[in-house]
Amino acid sequence: MSKESEFLAELLPLKQKLFRLALRVVQNREEAEDIVEDVMVKAWERRAEREQLHSLEAFCMTMCRNLALDRLAMHEHRNASLDDSHLQAPDLQRSPQELLEREERLNVVKQLMAQLPEKQRTALHLRDVEGKTTEEVATLLQTTEANVKVLAHRARHFIKASYLKIENHGL
């Protein structure tokens, strides 16, 4: 297998992770797709430097986050809706009522996540959705592991408190 083929085999599986990260930051599907395309092109253009990278995934995720933040600052898409329902496989074990209730709860959580400051939202997404370690998240966010823990804790606390308030009808 050629070096280009090996590189593609390592790069292409990252596409969905990059998309989810970009979508969490910019909260706009088309913009997230553009960001992922840009990341893939830039990574391909720098494939000769692969030997010097500790982790292609970390490199691409960092580049994706930085591009997303740049686009967010440029376009200010903070109030756009988040729709990644296409990323979830159908759940055949649940009744239609249970699926509807689950989808409604998920939409509430997505709306609450959209209200978080960018760093909290990104830390929570990388940690709890992507399953990254605290060390990996700290590297991607260019901060300390302690700060990642604080960001994720504050994000979870806000979402939990806000969700309970909504569930209890503000009581």
Foldseek 3Di string as FASTA:
>chain_A
DDLLVVLCVQPVVCLVVLLVLLCLLLVDNVVSNVLSVVLSVVCSVCSVCVVVDPDPNLVSNLSSNVVSVVVCVVPVNLPHHHDPPVVDDDDPVDDPVVVVVVVVLVRLLRVLLSPADNLLSSLLCCCPVVVDDLVSSCSSVVHDSVVSVVSPVVSVVSSVVVSVCVVVVND
